[in-house]
């Protein structure tokens, strides 16, 4: 009984995760997402430079790392789609 319930929950969780996956992006959407991500990095840098509170400085650092992670993900997606240079 316990194993069957676990399997049922596992199958349900997998379908829930499949629904959360990002949709496939076309080349134009990838380019726009990369440009938006670069703009977010620049904005974060400007806000970091103006910040004076230690806790908020930490927050800006974590935010920048998250943006970098997203940028690397988008770069991998763009390379897989055959895009080479996006400025």
PDB file of N, CA and C in Angstrom:
ATOM      1  N   UNK A   1       0.829  -1.194   0.000  1.00  0.00           N
ATOM      2  CA  UNK A   1       0.000   0.000   0.000  1.00  0.00           C
ATOM      3  C   UNK A   1       0.868   1.251   0.000  1.00  0.00           C
ATOM      4  N   UNK A   2       1.881   1.321   0.861  1.00  0.00           N
ATOM      5  CA  UNK A   2       2.736   2.493   0.957  1.00  0.00           C
ATOM      6  C   UNK A   2       3.508   2.744  -0.323  1.00  0.00           C
ATOM      7  N   UNK A   3       4.013   1.678  -0.947  1.00  0.00           N
ATOM      8  CA  UNK A   3       4.782   1.819  -2.181  1.00  0.00           C
ATOM      9  C   UNK A   3       3.893   2.316  -3.318  1.00  0.00           C
ATOM     10  N   UNK A   4       2.658   1.808  -3.397  1.00  0.00           N
ATOM     11  CA  UNK A   4       1.732   2.250  -4.443  1.00  0.00           C
ATOM     12  C   UNK A   4       1.397   3.727  -4.267  1.00  0.00           C
ATOM     13  N   UNK A   5       1.217   4.172  -3.027  1.00  0.00           N
ATOM     14  CA  UNK A   5       0.911   5.570  -2.762  1.00  0.00           C
ATOM     15  C   UNK A   5       2.100   6.453  -3.125  1.00  0.00           C
ATOM     16  N   UNK A   6       3.291   5.998  -2.790  1.00  0.00           N
ATOM     17  CA  UNK A   6       4.502   6.738  -3.124  1.00  0.00           C
ATOM     18  C   UNK A   6       4.636   6.879  -4.636  1.00  0.00           C
ATOM     19  N   UNK A   7       4.381   5.793  -5.369  1.00  0.00           N
ATOM     20  CA  UNK A   7       4.469   5.836  -6.827  1.00  0.00           C
ATOM     21  C   UNK A   7       3.438   6.802  -7.403  1.00  0.00           C
ATOM     22  N   UNK A   8       2.248   6.782  -6.859  1.00  0.00           N
ATOM     23  CA  UNK A   8       1.192   7.674  -7.339  1.00  0.00           C
ATOM     24  C   UNK A   8       1.579   9.134  -7.106  1.00  0.00           C
ATOM     25  N   UNK A   9       2.133   9.413  -5.930  1.00  0.00           N
ATOM     26  CA  UNK A   9       2.572  10.781  -5.652  1.00  0.00           C
ATOM     27  C   UNK A   9       3.720  11.178  -6.564  1.00  0.00           C
ATOM     28  N   UNK A  10       4.617  10.230  -6.831  1.00  0.00           N
ATOM     29  CA  UNK A  10       5.758  10.500  -7.685  1.00  0.00           C
ATOM     30  C   UNK A  10       5.301  10.831  -9.106  1.00  0.00           C
ATOM     31  N   UNK A  11       4.373  10.081  -9.638  1.00  0.00           N
ATOM     32  CA  UNK A  11       3.873  10.333 -10.984  1.00  0.00           C
ATOM     33  C   UNK A  11       3.163  11.683 -11.038  1.00  0.00           C
ATOM     34  N   UNK A  12       2.420  12.005  -9.997  1.00  0.00           N
ATOM     35  CA  UNK A  12       1.727  13.285  -9.937  1.00  0.00           C
ATOM     36  C   UNK A  12       2.730  14.430  -9.880  1.00  0.00           C
ATOM     37  N   UNK A  13       3.776  14.271  -9.090  1.00  0.00           N
ATOM     38  CA  UNK A  13       4.791  15.314  -8.963  1.00  0.00           C
ATOM     39  C   UNK A  13       5.512  15.529 -10.288  1.00  0.00           C
ATOM     40  N   UNK A  14       5.768  14.442 -11.023  1.00  0.00           N
ATOM     41  CA  UNK A  14       6.448  14.583 -12.311  1.00  0.00           C
ATOM     42  C   UNK A  14       5.599  15.356 -13.305  1.00  0.00           C
ATOM     43  N   UNK A  15       4.292  15.104 -13.313  1.00  0.00           N
ATOM     44  CA  UNK A  15       3.446  15.857 -14.244  1.00  0.00           C
ATOM     45  C   UNK A  15       3.359  17.320 -13.823  1.00  0.00           C
ATOM     46  N   UNK A  16       3.381  17.579 -12.505  1.00  0.00           N
ATOM     47  CA  UNK A  16       3.378  18.963 -12.033  1.00  0.00           C
ATOM     48  C   UNK A  16       4.648  19.678 -12.450  1.00  0.00           C
ATOM     49  N   UNK A  17       5.787  18.980 -12.360  1.00  0.00           N
ATOM     50  CA  UNK A  17       7.055  19.586 -12.756  1.00  0.00           C
ATOM     51  C   UNK A  17       7.095  19.856 -14.257  1.00  0.00           C
ATOM     52  N   UNK A  18       6.521  18.958 -15.041  1.00  0.00           N
ATOM     53  CA  UNK A  18       6.501  19.157 -16.489  1.00  0.00           C
ATOM     54  C   UNK A  18       5.722  20.418 -16.838  1.00  0.00           C
ATOM     55  N   UNK A  19       4.683  20.715 -16.081  1.00  0.00           N
ATOM     56  CA  UNK A  19       3.893  21.913 -16.344  1.00  0.00           C
ATOM     57  C   UNK A  19       4.667  23.186 -15.998  1.00  0.00           C
ATOM     58  N   UNK A  20       5.650  23.086 -15.107  1.00  0.00           N
ATOM     59  CA  UNK A  20       6.422  24.256 -14.687  1.00  0.00           C
ATOM     60  C   UNK A  20       7.613  24.543 -15.586  1.00  0.00           C
ATOM     61  N   UNK A  21       7.972  23.621 -16.471  1.00  0.00           N
ATOM     62  CA  UNK A  21       9.113  23.839 -17.346  1.00  0.00           C
ATOM     63  C   UNK A  21       8.840  25.037 -18.252  1.00  0.00           C
ATOM     64  N   UNK A  22       9.889  25.834 -18.510  1.00  0.00           N
ATOM     65  CA  UNK A  22       9.677  26.985 -19.388  1.00  0.00           C
ATOM     66  C   UNK A  22       9.364  26.514 -20.799  1.00  0.00           C
ATOM     67  N   UNK A  23       8.559  27.254 -21.525  1.00  0.00           N
ATOM     68  CA  UNK A  23       8.242  26.862 -22.898  1.00  0.00           C
ATOM     69  C   UNK A  23       9.470  27.006 -23.782  1.00  0.00           C
ATOM     70  N   UNK A  24       9.477  26.295 -24.892  1.00  0.00           N
ATOM     71  CA  UNK A  24      10.577  26.421 -25.842  1.00  0.00           C
ATOM     72  C   UNK A  24      10.570  27.836 -26.401  1.00  0.00           C
ATOM     73  N   UNK A  25      11.740  28.415 -26.463  1.00  0.00           N
ATOM     74  CA  UNK A  25      11.851  29.792 -26.944  1.00  0.00           C
ATOM     75  C   UNK A  25      12.350  29.783 -28.383  1.00  0.00           C
ATOM     76  N   UNK A  26      11.825  30.691 -29.160  1.00  0.00           N
ATOM     77  CA  UNK A  26      12.335  30.893 -30.506  1.00  0.00           C
ATOM     78  C   UNK A  26      13.557  31.788 -30.453  1.00  0.00           C
ATOM     79  N   UNK A  27      14.281  31.886 -31.550  1.00  0.00           N
ATOM     80  CA  UNK A  27      15.496  32.713 -31.558  1.00  0.00           C
ATOM     81  C   UNK A  27      15.240  34.174 -31.189  1.00  0.00           C
ATOM     82  N   UNK A  28      14.132  34.727 -31.657  1.00  0.00           N
ATOM     83  CA  UNK A  28      13.838  36.128 -31.339  1.00  0.00           C
ATOM     84  C   UNK A  28      13.590  36.311 -29.849  1.00  0.00           C
ATOM     85  N   UNK A  29      12.873  35.361 -29.251  1.00  0.00           N
ATOM     86  CA  UNK A  29      12.591  35.444 -27.819  1.00  0.00           C
ATOM     87  C   UNK A  29      13.866  35.273 -27.002  1.00  0.00           C
ATOM     88  N   UNK A  30      14.747  34.365 -27.433  1.00  0.00           N
ATOM     89  CA  UNK A  30      16.024  34.183 -26.733  1.00  0.00           C
ATOM     90  C   UNK A  30      16.856  35.462 -26.795  1.00  0.00           C
ATOM     91  N   UNK A  31      16.897  36.086 -27.961  1.00  0.00           N
ATOM     92  CA  UNK A  31      17.648  37.331 -28.093  1.00  0.00           C
ATOM     93  C   UNK A  31      17.100  38.392 -27.148  1.00  0.00           C
ATOM     94  N   UNK A  32      15.785  38.520 -27.104  1.00  0.00           N
ATOM     95  CA  UNK A  32      15.172  39.524 -26.231  1.00  0.00           C
ATOM     96  C   UNK A  32      15.430  39.198 -24.764  1.00  0.00           C
ATOM     97  N   UNK A  33      15.335  37.923 -24.403  1.00  0.00           N
ATOM     98  CA  UNK A  33      15.596  37.516 -23.015  1.00  0.00           C
ATOM     99  C   UNK A  33      17.039  37.817 -22.616  1.00  0.00           C
ATOM    100  N   UNK A  34      17.975  37.591 -23.536  1.00  0.00           N
ATOM    101  CA  UNK A  34      19.380  37.888 -23.246  1.00  0.00           C
ATOM    102  C   UNK A  34      19.596  39.392 -23.101  1.00  0.00           C
ATOM    103  N   UNK A  35      18.976  40.175 -23.964  1.00  0.00           N
ATOM    104  CA  UNK A  35      19.098  41.637 -23.843  1.00  0.00           C
ATOM    105  C   UNK A  35      18.505  42.126 -22.519  1.00  0.00           C
ATOM    106  N   UNK A  36      17.345  41.570 -22.158  1.00  0.00           N
ATOM    107  CA  UNK A  36      16.720  41.945 -20.886  1.00  0.00           C
ATOM    108  C   UNK A  36      17.613  41.578 -19.707  1.00  0.00           C
ATOM    109  N   UNK A  37      18.233  40.422 -19.800  1.00  0.00           N
ATOM    110  CA  UNK A  37      19.114  39.964 -18.723  1.00  0.00           C
ATOM    111  C   UNK A  37      20.336  40.888 -18.596  1.00  0.00           C
ATOM    112  N   UNK A  38      20.896  41.296 -19.718  1.00  0.00           N
ATOM    113  CA  UNK A  38      22.038  42.229 -19.676  1.00  0.00           C
ATOM    114  C   UNK A  38      21.612  43.566 -19.087  1.00  0.00           C
ATOM    115  N   UNK A  39      20.416  44.021 -19.430  1.00  0.00           N
ATOM    116  CA  UNK A  39      19.905  45.273 -18.855  1.00  0.00           C
ATOM    117  C   UNK A  39      19.707  45.122 -17.345  1.00  0.00           C
ATOM    118  N   UNK A  40      19.230  43.969 -16.912  1.00  0.00           N
ATOM    119  CA  UNK A  40      19.064  43.706 -15.476  1.00  0.00           C
ATOM    120  C   UNK A  40      20.414  43.739 -14.760  1.00  0.00           C
ATOM    121  N   UNK A  41      21.454  43.205 -15.406  1.00  0.00           N
ATOM    122  CA  UNK A  41      22.792  43.227 -14.803  1.00  0.00           C
ATOM    123  C   UNK A  41      23.290  44.664 -14.650  1.00  0.00           C
ATOM    124  N   UNK A  42      23.086  45.472 -15.688  1.00  0.00           N
ATOM    125  CA  UNK A  42      23.520  46.878 -15.607  1.00  0.00           C
ATOM    126  C   UNK A  42      22.756  47.625 -14.516  1.00  0.00           C
ATOM    127  N   UNK A  43      21.443  47.408 -14.448  1.00  0.00           N
ATOM    128  CA  UNK A  43      20.619  48.054 -13.428  1.00  0.00           C
ATOM    129  C   UNK A  43      21.050  47.627 -12.030  1.00  0.00           C
ATOM    130  N   UNK A  44      21.310  46.335 -11.873  1.00  0.00           N
ATOM    131  CA  UNK A  44      21.750  45.833 -10.574  1.00  0.00           C
ATOM    132  C   UNK A  44      23.080  46.462 -10.172  1.00  0.00           C
ATOM    133  N   UNK A  45      23.987  46.625 -11.130  1.00  0.00           N
ATOM    134  CA  UNK A  45      25.287  47.232 -10.837  1.00  0.00           C
ATOM    135  C   UNK A  45      25.127  48.680 -10.395  1.00  0.00           C
ATOM    136  N   UNK A  46      24.248  49.423 -11.059  1.00  0.00           N
ATOM    137  CA  UNK A  46      24.007  50.816 -10.669  1.00  0.00           C
ATOM    138  C   UNK A  46      23.431  50.894  -9.254  1.00  0.00           C
ATOM    139  N   UNK A  47      22.472  50.033  -8.954  1.00  0.00           N
ATOM    140  CA  UNK A  47      21.875  50.033  -7.617  1.00  0.00           C
ATOM    141  C   UNK A  47      22.883  49.587  -6.552  1.00  0.00           C
ATOM    142  N   UNK A  48      23.727  48.630  -6.907  1.00  0.00           N
ATOM    143  CA  UNK A  48      24.769  48.179  -5.983  1.00  0.00           C
ATOM    144  C   UNK A  48      25.715  49.332  -5.651  1.00  0.00           C
ATOM    145  N   UNK A  49      26.100  50.095  -6.660  1.00  0.00           N
ATOM    146  CA  UNK A  49      27.026  51.208  -6.453  1.00  0.00           C
ATOM    147  C   UNK A  49      26.449  52.298  -5.547  1.00  0.00           C
ATOM    148  N   UNK A  50      25.128  52.427  -5.529  1.00  0.00           N
ATOM    149  CA  UNK A  50      24.494  53.469  -4.715  1.00  0.00           C
ATOM    150  C   UNK A  50      24.094  52.980  -3.322  1.00  0.00           C
ATOM    151  N   UNK A  51      24.130  51.679  -3.091  1.00  0.00           N
ATOM    152  CA  UNK A  51      23.637  51.112  -1.831  1.00  0.00           C
ATOM    153  C   UNK A  51      24.594  51.395  -0.680  1.00  0.00           C
ATOM    154  N   UNK A  52      24.022  51.678   0.505  1.00  0.00           N
ATOM    155  CA  UNK A  52      24.839  51.961   1.689  1.00  0.00           C
ATOM    156  C   UNK A  52      24.569  50.974   2.831  1.00  0.00           C
ATOM    157  N   UNK A  53      23.429  50.337   2.849  1.00  0.00           N
ATOM    158  CA  UNK A  53      23.086  49.398   3.929  1.00  0.00           C
ATOM    159  C   UNK A  53      23.736  48.038   3.681  1.00  0.00           C
ATOM    160  N   UNK A  54      24.467  47.507   4.671  1.00  0.00           N
ATOM    161  CA  UNK A  54      25.158  46.218   4.479  1.00  0.00           C
ATOM    162  C   UNK A  54      24.228  45.073   4.060  1.00  0.00           C
ATOM    163  N   UNK A  55      23.036  45.001   4.651  1.00  0.00           N
ATOM    164  CA  UNK A  55      22.119  43.913   4.299  1.00  0.00           C
ATOM    165  C   UNK A  55      21.652  44.032   2.847  1.00  0.00           C
ATOM    166  N   UNK A  56      21.443  45.273   2.419  1.00  0.00           N
ATOM    167  CA  UNK A  56      20.987  45.478   1.050  1.00  0.00           C
ATOM    168  C   UNK A  56      22.113  45.299   0.042  1.00  0.00           C
ATOM    169  N   UNK A  57      23.344  45.548   0.472  1.00  0.00           N
ATOM    170  CA  UNK A  57      24.489  45.262  -0.388  1.00  0.00           C
ATOM    171  C   UNK A  57      24.556  43.754  -0.631  1.00  0.00           C
ATOM    172  N   UNK A  58      24.375  42.975   0.436  1.00  0.00           N
ATOM    173  CA  UNK A  58      24.342  41.516   0.293  1.00  0.00           C
ATOM    174  C   UNK A  58      23.229  41.097  -0.659  1.00  0.00           C
ATOM    175  N   UNK A  59      22.079  41.717  -0.523  1.00  0.00           N
ATOM    176  CA  UNK A  59      20.946  41.396  -1.388  1.00  0.00           C
ATOM    177  C   UNK A  59      21.296  41.662  -2.850  1.00  0.00           C
ATOM    178  N   UNK A  60      21.962  42.772  -3.125  1.00  0.00           N
ATOM    179  CA  UNK A  60      22.358  43.098  -4.501  1.00  0.00           C
ATOM    180  C   UNK A  60      23.350  42.068  -5.050  1.00  0.00           C
ATOM    181  N   UNK A  61      24.239  41.596  -4.194  1.00  0.00           N
ATOM    182  CA  UNK A  61      25.209  40.582  -4.612  1.00  0.00           C
ATOM    183  C   UNK A  61      24.484  39.295  -4.981  1.00  0.00           C
ATOM    184  N   UNK A  62      23.562  38.847  -4.137  1.00  0.00           N
ATOM    185  CA  UNK A  62      22.804  37.627  -4.415  1.00  0.00           C
ATOM    186  C   UNK A  62      21.957  37.780  -5.670  1.00  0.00           C
ATOM    187  N   UNK A  63      21.376  38.951  -5.827  1.00  0.00           N
ATOM    188  CA  UNK A  63      20.562  39.212  -7.017  1.00  0.00           C
ATOM    189  C   UNK A  63      21.425  39.155  -8.272  1.00  0.00           C
ATOM    190  N   UNK A  64      22.620  39.727  -8.207  1.00  0.00           N
ATOM    191  CA  UNK A  64      23.522  39.702  -9.357  1.00  0.00           C
ATOM    192  C   UNK A  64      23.913  38.274  -9.709  1.00  0.00           C
ATOM    193  N   UNK A  65      24.184  37.464  -8.696  1.00  0.00           N
ATOM    194  CA  UNK A  65      24.530  36.067  -8.948  1.00  0.00           C
ATOM    195  C   UNK A  65      23.373  35.324  -9.604  1.00  0.00           C
ATOM    196  N   UNK A  66      22.151  35.619  -9.182  1.00  0.00           N
ATOM    197  CA  UNK A  66      20.978  34.992  -9.789  1.00  0.00           C
ATOM    198  C   UNK A  66      20.831  35.431 -11.248  1.00  0.00           C
ATOM    199  N   UNK A  67      21.066  36.695 -11.515  1.00  0.00           N
ATOM    200  CA  UNK A  67      20.972  37.199 -12.889  1.00  0.00           C
ATOM    201  C   UNK A  67      22.043  36.543 -13.753  1.00  0.00           C
ATOM    202  N   UNK A  68      23.250  36.407 -13.220  1.00  0.00           N
ATOM    203  CA  UNK A  68      24.326  35.745 -13.960  1.00  0.00           C
ATOM    204  C   UNK A  68      23.962  34.303 -14.281  1.00  0.00           C
ATOM    205  N   UNK A  69      23.377  33.629 -13.324  1.00  0.00           N
ATOM    206  CA  UNK A  69      22.968  32.245 -13.538  1.00  0.00           C
ATOM    207  C   UNK A  69      21.933  32.164 -14.654  1.00  0.00           C
ATOM    208  N   UNK A  70      20.955  33.056 -14.640  1.00  0.00           N
ATOM    209  CA  UNK A  70      19.950  33.085 -15.711  1.00  0.00           C
ATOM    210  C   UNK A  70      20.606  33.400 -17.054  1.00  0.00           C
ATOM    211  N   UNK A  71      21.554  34.322 -17.068  1.00  0.00           N
ATOM    212  CA  UNK A  71      22.237  34.691 -18.308  1.00  0.00           C
ATOM    213  C   UNK A  71      22.993  33.492 -18.889  1.00  0.00           C
ATOM    214  N   UNK A  72      23.694  32.755 -18.034  1.00  0.00           N
ATOM    215  CA  UNK A  72      24.412  31.564 -18.504  1.00  0.00           C
ATOM    216  C   UNK A  72      23.443  30.532 -19.071  1.00  0.00           C
ATOM    217  N   UNK A  73      22.292  30.359 -18.415  1.00  0.00           N
ATOM    218  CA  UNK A  73      21.270  29.438 -18.911  1.00  0.00           C
ATOM    219  C   UNK A  73      20.784  29.872 -20.292  1.00  0.00           C
ATOM    220  N   UNK A  74      20.490  31.155 -20.443  1.00  0.00           N
ATOM    221  CA  UNK A  74      20.012  31.653 -21.725  1.00  0.00           C
ATOM    222  C   UNK A  74      21.080  31.534 -22.808  1.00  0.00           C
ATOM    223  N   UNK A  75      22.335  31.732 -22.436  1.00  0.00           N
ATOM    224  CA  UNK A  75      23.425  31.563 -23.403  1.00  0.00           C
ATOM    225  C   UNK A  75      23.479  30.126 -23.910  1.00  0.00           C
ATOM    226  N   UNK A  76      23.358  29.163 -23.002  1.00  0.00           N
ATOM    227  CA  UNK A  76      23.354  27.750 -23.417  1.00  0.00           C
ATOM    228  C   UNK A  76      22.184  27.473 -24.358  1.00  0.00           C
ATOM    229  N   UNK A  77      21.022  28.036 -24.038  1.00  0.00           N
ATOM    230  CA  UNK A  77      19.848  27.849 -24.895  1.00  0.00           C
ATOM    231  C   UNK A  77      20.084  28.471 -26.273  1.00  0.00           C
ATOM    232  N   UNK A  78      20.699  29.638 -26.297  1.00  0.00           N
ATOM    233  CA  UNK A  78      20.959  30.324 -27.561  1.00  0.00           C
ATOM    234  C   UNK A  78      21.966  29.546 -28.404  1.00  0.00           C
ATOM    235  N   UNK A  79      23.006  29.027 -27.772  1.00  0.00           N
ATOM    236  CA  UNK A  79      23.983  28.228 -28.516  1.00  0.00           C
ATOM    237  C   UNK A  79      23.325  26.989 -29.100  1.00  0.00           C
ATOM    238  N   UNK A  80      22.477  26.348 -28.311  1.00  0.00           N
ATOM    239  CA  UNK A  80      21.780  25.146 -28.786  1.00  0.00           C
ATOM    240  C   UNK A  80      20.859  25.474 -29.969  1.00  0.00           C
ATOM    241  N   UNK A  81      20.333  26.703 -29.998  1.00  0.00           N
ATOM    242  CA  UNK A  81      19.452  27.130 -31.085  1.00  0.00           C
ATOM    243  C   UNK A  81      20.247  27.644 -32.293  1.00  0.00           C
ATOM    244  N   UNK A  82      21.575  27.696 -32.163  1.00  0.00           N
ATOM    245  CA  UNK A  82      22.411  28.121 -33.279  1.00  0.00           C
ATOM    246  C   UNK A  82      22.706  29.602 -33.332  1.00  0.00           C
ATOM    247  N   UNK A  83      22.348  30.335 -32.301  1.00  0.00           N
ATOM    248  CA  UNK A  83      22.653  31.770 -32.265  1.00  0.00           C
ATOM    249  C   UNK A  83      24.106  31.952 -31.855  1.00  0.00           C
ATOM    250  N   UNK A  84      24.754  32.946 -32.416  1.00  0.00           N
ATOM    251  CA  UNK A  84      26.175  33.142 -32.136  1.00  0.00           C
ATOM    252  C   UNK A  84      26.486  34.439 -31.407  1.00  0.00           C
ATOM    253  N   UNK A  85      26.007  35.576 -31.868  1.00  0.00           N
ATOM    254  CA  UNK A  85      26.357  36.855 -31.257  1.00  0.00           C
ATOM    255  C   UNK A  85      25.106  37.678 -31.049  1.00  0.00           C
ATOM    256  N   UNK A  86      24.910  38.097 -29.818  1.00  0.00           N
ATOM    257  CA  UNK A  86      23.778  38.951 -29.485  1.00  0.00           C
ATOM    258  C   UNK A  86      24.325  40.143 -28.722  1.00  0.00           C
ATOM    259  N   UNK A  87      24.169  41.312 -29.273  1.00  0.00           N
ATOM    260  CA  UNK A  87      24.673  42.521 -28.615  1.00  0.00           C
ATOM    261  C   UNK A  87      23.559  43.476 -28.329  1.00  0.00           C
TER     262      UNK A  87
END
